[in-house]
């Protein structure tokens, strides 16, 4: 199976680690990691913008994390995307998409776009949230706001 996982990925945290591990576990025919462009990452954070590392910095950090969790020695490709459905709606070679609970609803529209193009729909693989010590999901926004670290440990 050729699997895609996509996001802003900045800053990285344990939730991202689980997304990557799941994609790698299922991606026996390869894993495509989509990283949002700087412009799209900023655009999707409106009206409450937060600092986001540059695309190149996020790409380096994603590669490093992938290297630490890839126990299957998978073929990995990193692609930049600039819109909500990105290349996943246009790549007929993808079989599945790994998502978090918050992005699972978008798979329906993604698959509608794929079927319009004559492509097979993607299997949705939902990875549960990783929770911080306070019982709420770990997120990059919470890390940037200084509430938690990348492992969900409270900082305040």
N, C-alpha and C. Protein backbone atom coordinates (compact mmCIF):
# COMPACT_ATOMS: atom_id res chain seq x y z
N UNK A 1 0.85 -1.17 0.00
CA UNK A 1 0.00 0.00 0.00
C UNK A 1 0.90 1.24 0.00
N UNK A 2 0.53 2.23 -0.83
CA UNK A 2 1.24 3.51 -0.87
C UNK A 2 0.41 4.50 -0.06
N UNK A 3 1.01 5.06 0.97
CA UNK A 3 0.29 5.84 1.98
C UNK A 3 0.77 7.29 1.97
N UNK A 4 -0.16 8.20 2.18
CA UNK A 4 0.16 9.62 2.32
C UNK A 4 -0.22 10.09 3.71
N UNK A 5 0.59 10.99 4.26
CA UNK A 5 0.28 11.70 5.49
C UNK A 5 0.74 13.14 5.26
N UNK A 6 -0.06 14.10 5.68
CA UNK A 6 0.26 15.49 5.37
C UNK A 6 -0.09 16.41 6.52
N UNK A 7 0.61 17.53 6.58
CA UNK A 7 0.34 18.52 7.61
C UNK A 7 1.32 19.66 7.56
N UNK A 8 1.19 20.54 8.52
CA UNK A 8 2.13 21.65 8.66
C UNK A 8 3.41 21.15 9.32
N UNK A 9 3.25 20.33 10.35
CA UNK A 9 4.36 19.69 11.06
C UNK A 9 5.36 20.69 11.64
N UNK A 10 4.82 21.66 12.39
CA UNK A 10 5.72 22.60 13.02
C UNK A 10 5.04 23.32 14.17
N UNK A 11 5.58 23.20 15.36
CA UNK A 11 6.65 22.27 15.74
C UNK A 11 6.13 20.83 15.86
N UNK A 12 7.06 19.90 15.70
CA UNK A 12 6.72 18.48 15.80
C UNK A 12 6.46 18.06 17.24
N UNK A 13 5.62 17.03 17.38
CA UNK A 13 5.30 16.52 18.72
C UNK A 13 4.94 15.04 18.64
N UNK A 14 4.61 14.45 19.76
CA UNK A 14 4.33 13.01 19.82
C UNK A 14 3.14 12.59 18.95
N UNK A 15 2.19 13.47 18.75
CA UNK A 15 1.08 13.15 17.85
C UNK A 15 1.56 12.95 16.42
N UNK A 16 2.48 13.82 15.98
CA UNK A 16 3.07 13.65 14.65
C UNK A 16 3.86 12.35 14.57
N UNK A 17 4.58 12.05 15.63
CA UNK A 17 5.36 10.80 15.66
C UNK A 17 4.44 9.60 15.41
N UNK A 18 3.26 9.58 16.03
CA UNK A 18 2.33 8.48 15.85
C UNK A 18 1.75 8.46 14.43
N UNK A 19 1.49 9.63 13.85
CA UNK A 19 1.03 9.68 12.46
C UNK A 19 2.07 9.07 11.53
N UNK A 20 3.33 9.47 11.73
CA UNK A 20 4.42 8.95 10.88
C UNK A 20 4.60 7.45 11.07
N UNK A 21 4.58 6.99 12.32
CA UNK A 21 4.74 5.56 12.57
C UNK A 21 3.64 4.75 11.91
N UNK A 22 2.41 5.24 11.98
CA UNK A 22 1.29 4.54 11.37
C UNK A 22 1.43 4.52 9.85
N UNK A 23 1.80 5.65 9.26
CA UNK A 23 2.00 5.70 7.81
C UNK A 23 3.10 4.73 7.39
N UNK A 24 4.18 4.71 8.12
CA UNK A 24 5.29 3.82 7.80
C UNK A 24 4.91 2.35 7.97
N UNK A 25 4.16 2.06 9.00
CA UNK A 25 3.73 0.69 9.25
C UNK A 25 2.89 0.16 8.08
N UNK A 26 1.98 0.99 7.56
CA UNK A 26 1.07 0.57 6.50
C UNK A 26 1.66 0.76 5.10
N UNK A 27 2.67 1.59 4.97
CA UNK A 27 3.19 1.97 3.66
C UNK A 27 4.23 1.04 3.09
N UNK A 28 3.88 -0.21 2.92
CA UNK A 28 4.86 -1.18 2.41
C UNK A 28 5.27 -0.91 0.96
N UNK A 29 4.49 -0.10 0.22
CA UNK A 29 4.86 0.28 -1.14
C UNK A 29 5.35 1.72 -1.20
N UNK A 30 5.54 2.34 -0.03
CA UNK A 30 6.07 3.69 0.03
C UNK A 30 5.18 4.63 0.82
N UNK A 31 5.79 5.68 1.31
CA UNK A 31 5.10 6.70 2.09
C UNK A 31 5.41 8.06 1.48
N UNK A 32 4.36 8.84 1.26
CA UNK A 32 4.52 10.20 0.79
C UNK A 32 4.12 11.12 1.94
N UNK A 33 5.03 12.01 2.31
CA UNK A 33 4.77 12.96 3.39
C UNK A 33 4.59 14.34 2.76
N UNK A 34 3.39 14.89 2.92
CA UNK A 34 3.13 16.24 2.43
C UNK A 34 3.37 17.25 3.54
N UNK A 35 4.12 18.29 3.20
CA UNK A 35 4.38 19.38 4.14
C UNK A 35 3.85 20.66 3.50
N UNK A 36 3.04 21.39 4.24
CA UNK A 36 2.43 22.61 3.69
C UNK A 36 3.49 23.67 3.41
N UNK A 37 3.25 24.43 2.34
CA UNK A 37 4.12 25.55 2.01
C UNK A 37 4.02 26.60 3.12
N UNK A 38 4.97 27.49 3.17
CA UNK A 38 4.94 28.57 4.17
C UNK A 38 3.65 29.38 4.03
N UNK A 39 3.28 29.70 2.79
CA UNK A 39 2.11 30.53 2.54
C UNK A 39 0.83 29.83 2.99
N UNK A 40 0.69 28.55 2.63
CA UNK A 40 -0.52 27.83 3.00
C UNK A 40 -0.59 27.61 4.51
N UNK A 41 0.54 27.33 5.13
CA UNK A 41 0.56 27.15 6.58
C UNK A 41 0.10 28.42 7.29
N UNK A 42 0.52 29.56 6.81
CA UNK A 42 0.11 30.84 7.40
C UNK A 42 -1.37 31.10 7.13
N UNK A 43 -1.80 30.87 5.89
CA UNK A 43 -3.18 31.11 5.49
C UNK A 43 -4.17 30.29 6.33
N UNK A 44 -3.83 29.07 6.65
CA UNK A 44 -4.75 28.20 7.39
C UNK A 44 -4.79 28.53 8.88
N UNK A 45 -3.95 29.41 9.33
CA UNK A 45 -3.93 29.78 10.75
C UNK A 45 -4.65 31.10 11.01
N UNK A 46 -5.35 31.63 10.02
CA UNK A 46 -6.07 32.89 10.18
C UNK A 46 -7.44 32.61 10.78
N UNK A 47 -7.98 33.44 11.63
CA UNK A 47 -7.50 34.76 12.01
C UNK A 47 -6.57 34.76 13.22
N UNK A 48 -6.14 33.58 13.68
CA UNK A 48 -5.28 33.49 14.85
C UNK A 48 -3.92 32.93 14.47
N UNK A 49 -3.09 33.75 13.81
CA UNK A 49 -1.80 33.23 13.35
C UNK A 49 -0.87 32.90 14.52
N UNK A 50 0.03 31.99 14.28
CA UNK A 50 1.06 31.66 15.25
C UNK A 50 2.37 31.48 14.49
N UNK A 51 3.48 31.63 15.16
CA UNK A 51 4.76 31.42 14.47
C UNK A 51 4.87 29.98 13.96
N UNK A 52 5.33 29.85 12.73
CA UNK A 52 5.53 28.55 12.11
C UNK A 52 6.94 28.52 11.53
N UNK A 53 7.71 27.50 11.85
CA UNK A 53 9.06 27.41 11.26
C UNK A 53 8.97 27.39 9.73
N UNK A 54 10.04 27.76 9.07
CA UNK A 54 10.06 27.77 7.61
C UNK A 54 9.87 26.36 7.05
N UNK A 55 9.44 26.30 5.80
CA UNK A 55 9.26 25.01 5.14
C UNK A 55 10.54 24.18 5.22
N UNK A 56 11.68 24.76 4.92
CA UNK A 56 12.94 24.01 4.93
C UNK A 56 13.27 23.48 6.32
N UNK A 57 13.02 24.28 7.34
CA UNK A 57 13.27 23.83 8.71
C UNK A 57 12.32 22.69 9.08
N UNK A 58 11.04 22.84 8.73
CA UNK A 58 10.08 21.77 9.02
C UNK A 58 10.43 20.50 8.26
N UNK A 59 10.88 20.63 7.01
CA UNK A 59 11.26 19.47 6.22
C UNK A 59 12.44 18.73 6.87
N UNK A 60 13.44 19.48 7.33
CA UNK A 60 14.59 18.85 8.01
C UNK A 60 14.14 18.11 9.27
N UNK A 61 13.26 18.73 10.04
CA UNK A 61 12.80 18.11 11.28
C UNK A 61 11.94 16.87 11.00
N UNK A 62 11.12 16.93 9.96
CA UNK A 62 10.31 15.77 9.58
C UNK A 62 11.21 14.62 9.16
N UNK A 63 12.21 14.91 8.33
CA UNK A 63 13.14 13.86 7.91
C UNK A 63 13.82 13.21 9.11
N UNK A 64 14.25 14.03 10.06
CA UNK A 64 14.91 13.50 11.25
C UNK A 64 13.98 12.61 12.05
N UNK A 65 12.73 13.04 12.22
CA UNK A 65 11.79 12.22 12.98
C UNK A 65 11.48 10.93 12.23
N UNK A 66 11.29 11.02 10.92
CA UNK A 66 11.02 9.81 10.13
C UNK A 66 12.16 8.80 10.28
N UNK A 67 13.39 9.29 10.28
CA UNK A 67 14.54 8.39 10.45
C UNK A 67 14.52 7.68 11.79
N UNK A 68 14.00 8.33 12.81
CA UNK A 68 13.99 7.70 14.14
C UNK A 68 12.86 6.69 14.32
N UNK A 69 11.77 6.81 13.52
CA UNK A 69 10.63 5.92 13.71
C UNK A 69 10.47 4.88 12.60
N UNK A 70 11.27 4.95 11.56
CA UNK A 70 11.12 4.03 10.42
C UNK A 70 11.86 2.72 10.68
N UNK A 71 11.19 1.82 11.35
CA UNK A 71 11.79 0.51 11.62
C UNK A 71 11.59 -0.46 10.47
N UNK A 72 10.89 -0.03 9.40
CA UNK A 72 10.60 -0.89 8.26
C UNK A 72 11.47 -0.56 7.04
N UNK A 73 12.27 0.50 7.15
CA UNK A 73 13.12 0.95 6.04
C UNK A 73 12.30 1.23 4.77
N UNK A 74 11.25 2.02 4.94
CA UNK A 74 10.34 2.33 3.85
C UNK A 74 10.93 3.35 2.88
N UNK A 75 10.43 3.32 1.67
CA UNK A 75 10.71 4.36 0.70
C UNK A 75 9.85 5.57 1.08
N UNK A 76 10.51 6.73 1.27
CA UNK A 76 9.80 7.93 1.72
C UNK A 76 10.06 9.06 0.74
N UNK A 77 8.98 9.72 0.35
CA UNK A 77 9.06 10.89 -0.51
C UNK A 77 8.42 12.06 0.22
N UNK A 78 9.06 13.22 0.19
CA UNK A 78 8.47 14.42 0.80
C UNK A 78 8.06 15.36 -0.32
N UNK A 79 6.82 15.85 -0.22
CA UNK A 79 6.29 16.78 -1.22
C UNK A 79 5.70 18.00 -0.51
N UNK A 80 5.85 19.14 -1.15
CA UNK A 80 5.22 20.38 -0.66
C UNK A 80 3.80 20.46 -1.22
N UNK A 81 2.85 20.93 -0.40
CA UNK A 81 1.51 21.18 -0.92
C UNK A 81 1.08 22.60 -0.60
N UNK A 82 0.18 23.12 -1.43
CA UNK A 82 -0.18 24.54 -1.34
C UNK A 82 -1.68 24.78 -1.22
N UNK A 83 -2.47 23.69 -1.10
CA UNK A 83 -3.91 23.86 -0.93
C UNK A 83 -4.45 22.69 -0.11
N UNK A 84 -5.71 22.78 0.29
CA UNK A 84 -6.29 21.84 1.25
C UNK A 84 -6.16 20.39 0.83
N UNK A 85 -6.41 20.07 -0.43
CA UNK A 85 -6.39 18.66 -0.85
C UNK A 85 -5.11 18.29 -1.56
N UNK A 86 -4.32 19.28 -1.92
CA UNK A 86 -2.98 19.07 -2.45
C UNK A 86 -2.89 17.99 -3.50
N UNK A 87 -1.73 17.40 -3.55
CA UNK A 87 -1.44 16.37 -4.55
C UNK A 87 -2.23 15.09 -4.30
N UNK A 88 -2.75 14.88 -3.08
CA UNK A 88 -3.47 13.64 -2.78
C UNK A 88 -4.72 13.49 -3.65
N UNK A 89 -5.29 14.61 -4.09
CA UNK A 89 -6.48 14.53 -4.95
C UNK A 89 -6.11 14.26 -6.40
N UNK A 90 -4.82 14.40 -6.73
CA UNK A 90 -4.38 14.28 -8.12
C UNK A 90 -3.41 13.13 -8.37
N UNK A 91 -3.06 12.36 -7.36
CA UNK A 91 -2.09 11.28 -7.52
C UNK A 91 -2.81 9.93 -7.52
N UNK A 92 -2.91 9.29 -8.69
CA UNK A 92 -3.65 8.02 -8.77
C UNK A 92 -2.92 6.85 -8.11
N UNK A 93 -1.66 7.04 -7.73
CA UNK A 93 -0.87 5.93 -7.18
C UNK A 93 -1.00 5.79 -5.68
N UNK A 94 -1.73 6.68 -5.03
CA UNK A 94 -1.92 6.61 -3.58
C UNK A 94 -3.07 5.66 -3.25
N UNK A 95 -2.92 4.93 -2.12
CA UNK A 95 -3.93 3.97 -1.70
C UNK A 95 -4.63 4.35 -0.40
N UNK A 96 -3.92 5.05 0.48
CA UNK A 96 -4.48 5.35 1.81
C UNK A 96 -3.94 6.67 2.30
N UNK A 97 -4.68 7.27 3.22
CA UNK A 97 -4.26 8.51 3.86
C UNK A 97 -4.34 8.32 5.37
N UNK A 98 -3.30 8.75 6.06
CA UNK A 98 -3.26 8.69 7.51
C UNK A 98 -3.64 10.07 8.03
N UNK A 99 -4.65 10.10 8.92
CA UNK A 99 -5.17 11.37 9.42
C UNK A 99 -5.37 11.31 10.93
N UNK A 100 -5.49 12.48 11.53
CA UNK A 100 -5.88 12.58 12.94
C UNK A 100 -7.39 12.71 12.99
N UNK A 101 -8.00 12.53 14.15
CA UNK A 101 -9.47 12.66 14.24
C UNK A 101 -9.98 14.01 13.73
N UNK A 102 -9.21 15.08 13.90
CA UNK A 102 -9.68 16.40 13.49
C UNK A 102 -9.70 16.58 11.98
N UNK A 103 -8.94 15.78 11.25
CA UNK A 103 -8.92 15.93 9.80
C UNK A 103 -9.62 14.80 9.07
N UNK A 104 -10.19 13.85 9.80
CA UNK A 104 -10.85 12.71 9.17
C UNK A 104 -12.02 13.13 8.28
N UNK A 105 -12.76 14.16 8.67
CA UNK A 105 -13.91 14.61 7.87
C UNK A 105 -13.49 15.07 6.47
N UNK A 106 -12.27 15.58 6.32
CA UNK A 106 -11.80 16.08 5.02
C UNK A 106 -11.58 14.96 4.01
N UNK A 107 -11.47 13.72 4.47
CA UNK A 107 -11.22 12.60 3.57
C UNK A 107 -12.41 12.39 2.63
N UNK A 108 -13.62 12.65 3.08
CA UNK A 108 -14.80 12.50 2.23
C UNK A 108 -14.69 13.40 1.01
N UNK A 109 -14.36 14.66 1.22
CA UNK A 109 -14.20 15.59 0.09
C UNK A 109 -13.00 15.22 -0.76
N UNK A 110 -11.91 14.82 -0.14
CA UNK A 110 -10.73 14.39 -0.89
C UNK A 110 -11.11 13.23 -1.83
N UNK A 111 -11.83 12.26 -1.31
CA UNK A 111 -12.22 11.12 -2.12
C UNK A 111 -13.23 11.49 -3.21
N UNK A 112 -14.08 12.45 -2.94
CA UNK A 112 -14.99 12.93 -3.98
C UNK A 112 -14.20 13.51 -5.14
N UNK A 113 -13.18 14.29 -4.83
CA UNK A 113 -12.33 14.88 -5.86
C UNK A 113 -11.57 13.80 -6.64
N UNK A 114 -11.12 12.79 -5.92
CA UNK A 114 -10.39 11.69 -6.58
C UNK A 114 -11.31 10.93 -7.53
N UNK A 115 -12.52 10.63 -7.09
CA UNK A 115 -13.43 9.85 -7.95
C UNK A 115 -13.86 10.67 -9.17
N UNK A 116 -13.96 11.99 -9.02
CA UNK A 116 -14.24 12.85 -10.18
C UNK A 116 -13.16 12.71 -11.24
N UNK A 117 -11.94 12.46 -10.80
CA UNK A 117 -10.82 12.29 -11.73
C UNK A 117 -10.68 10.84 -12.22
N UNK A 118 -11.54 9.98 -11.72
CA UNK A 118 -11.47 8.58 -12.12
C UNK A 118 -10.51 7.75 -11.29
N UNK A 119 -10.07 8.28 -10.14
CA UNK A 119 -9.14 7.57 -9.25
C UNK A 119 -9.92 6.83 -8.17
N UNK A 120 -9.30 5.80 -7.64
CA UNK A 120 -9.88 5.09 -6.50
C UNK A 120 -9.86 5.99 -5.27
N UNK A 121 -10.87 5.86 -4.41
CA UNK A 121 -10.83 6.61 -3.14
C UNK A 121 -9.72 6.07 -2.26
N UNK A 122 -9.24 6.92 -1.36
CA UNK A 122 -8.20 6.53 -0.43
C UNK A 122 -8.82 5.90 0.81
N UNK A 123 -8.21 4.85 1.30
CA UNK A 123 -8.58 4.30 2.60
C UNK A 123 -8.16 5.31 3.66
N UNK A 124 -9.02 5.56 4.61
CA UNK A 124 -8.72 6.49 5.70
C UNK A 124 -8.23 5.70 6.91
N UNK A 125 -7.04 6.03 7.37
CA UNK A 125 -6.48 5.40 8.57
C UNK A 125 -6.39 6.49 9.63
N UNK A 126 -7.27 6.40 10.62
CA UNK A 126 -7.35 7.44 11.65
C UNK A 126 -6.49 7.05 12.84
N UNK A 127 -5.58 7.95 13.20
CA UNK A 127 -4.69 7.75 14.35
C UNK A 127 -5.24 8.56 15.52
N UNK A 128 -5.50 7.90 16.64
CA UNK A 128 -6.04 8.63 17.80
C UNK A 128 -5.09 9.74 18.27
N UNK A 129 -5.66 10.72 18.94
CA UNK A 129 -4.85 11.79 19.52
C UNK A 129 -3.87 11.23 20.54
N UNK A 130 -2.77 11.91 20.69
CA UNK A 130 -1.88 11.73 21.82
C UNK A 130 -2.26 12.83 22.82
N UNK A 131 -2.35 12.48 24.08
CA UNK A 131 -2.85 13.44 25.08
C UNK A 131 -1.74 13.96 25.98
N UNK A 132 -1.89 15.23 26.33
CA UNK A 132 -0.98 15.87 27.28
C UNK A 132 -1.33 15.42 28.70
N UNK A 133 -0.48 15.78 29.62
CA UNK A 133 -0.69 15.41 31.02
C UNK A 133 -2.03 15.91 31.58
N UNK A 134 -2.57 16.97 30.98
CA UNK A 134 -3.84 17.52 31.47
C UNK A 134 -5.05 16.87 30.80
N UNK A 135 -4.82 15.84 29.97
CA UNK A 135 -5.92 15.12 29.36
C UNK A 135 -6.45 15.72 28.07
N UNK A 136 -5.86 16.79 27.59
CA UNK A 136 -6.27 17.38 26.32
C UNK A 136 -5.24 17.03 25.24
N UNK A 137 -5.66 17.03 23.98
CA UNK A 137 -4.74 16.61 22.91
C UNK A 137 -3.49 17.49 22.82
N UNK A 138 -2.38 16.85 22.50
CA UNK A 138 -1.14 17.57 22.20
C UNK A 138 -1.34 18.26 20.86
N UNK A 139 -0.90 19.50 20.77
CA UNK A 139 -0.96 20.23 19.49
C UNK A 139 0.22 21.17 19.38
N UNK A 140 0.57 21.49 18.15
CA UNK A 140 1.64 22.45 17.91
C UNK A 140 1.30 23.81 18.48
N UNK A 141 0.03 24.20 18.38
CA UNK A 141 -0.39 25.50 18.92
C UNK A 141 -0.15 25.56 20.42
N UNK A 142 -0.46 24.50 21.14
CA UNK A 142 -0.24 24.48 22.59
C UNK A 142 1.25 24.55 22.91
N UNK A 143 2.07 23.95 22.08
CA UNK A 143 3.52 24.02 22.28
C UNK A 143 4.00 25.45 22.06
N UNK A 144 3.58 26.06 20.96
CA UNK A 144 3.97 27.44 20.65
C UNK A 144 3.50 28.39 21.74
N UNK A 145 2.32 28.14 22.30
CA UNK A 145 1.79 29.00 23.36
C UNK A 145 2.47 28.77 24.71
N UNK A 146 3.38 27.81 24.79
CA UNK A 146 4.12 27.57 26.02
C UNK A 146 3.36 26.77 27.07
N UNK A 147 2.27 26.12 26.68
CA UNK A 147 1.48 25.33 27.64
C UNK A 147 2.11 23.97 27.93
N UNK A 148 2.64 23.33 26.86
CA UNK A 148 3.18 21.97 26.97
C UNK A 148 4.46 21.85 26.15
N UNK A 149 5.19 20.77 26.39
CA UNK A 149 6.31 20.46 25.51
C UNK A 149 5.85 19.45 24.45
N UNK A 150 6.75 19.00 23.60
CA UNK A 150 6.38 18.12 22.49
C UNK A 150 5.88 16.75 22.93
N UNK A 151 6.08 16.43 24.21
CA UNK A 151 5.62 15.14 24.75
C UNK A 151 4.34 15.30 25.58
N UNK A 152 3.82 16.53 25.66
CA UNK A 152 2.58 16.77 26.39
C UNK A 152 2.77 17.07 27.87
N UNK A 153 4.01 17.28 28.28
CA UNK A 153 4.24 17.65 29.69
C UNK A 153 3.89 19.12 29.89
N UNK A 154 3.14 19.41 30.95
CA UNK A 154 2.72 20.77 31.22
C UNK A 154 3.90 21.65 31.58
N UNK A 155 3.90 22.88 31.06
CA UNK A 155 4.97 23.83 31.33
C UNK A 155 4.55 24.95 32.25
N UNK A 156 3.25 25.15 32.38
CA UNK A 156 2.79 26.28 33.22
C UNK A 156 2.50 25.83 34.62
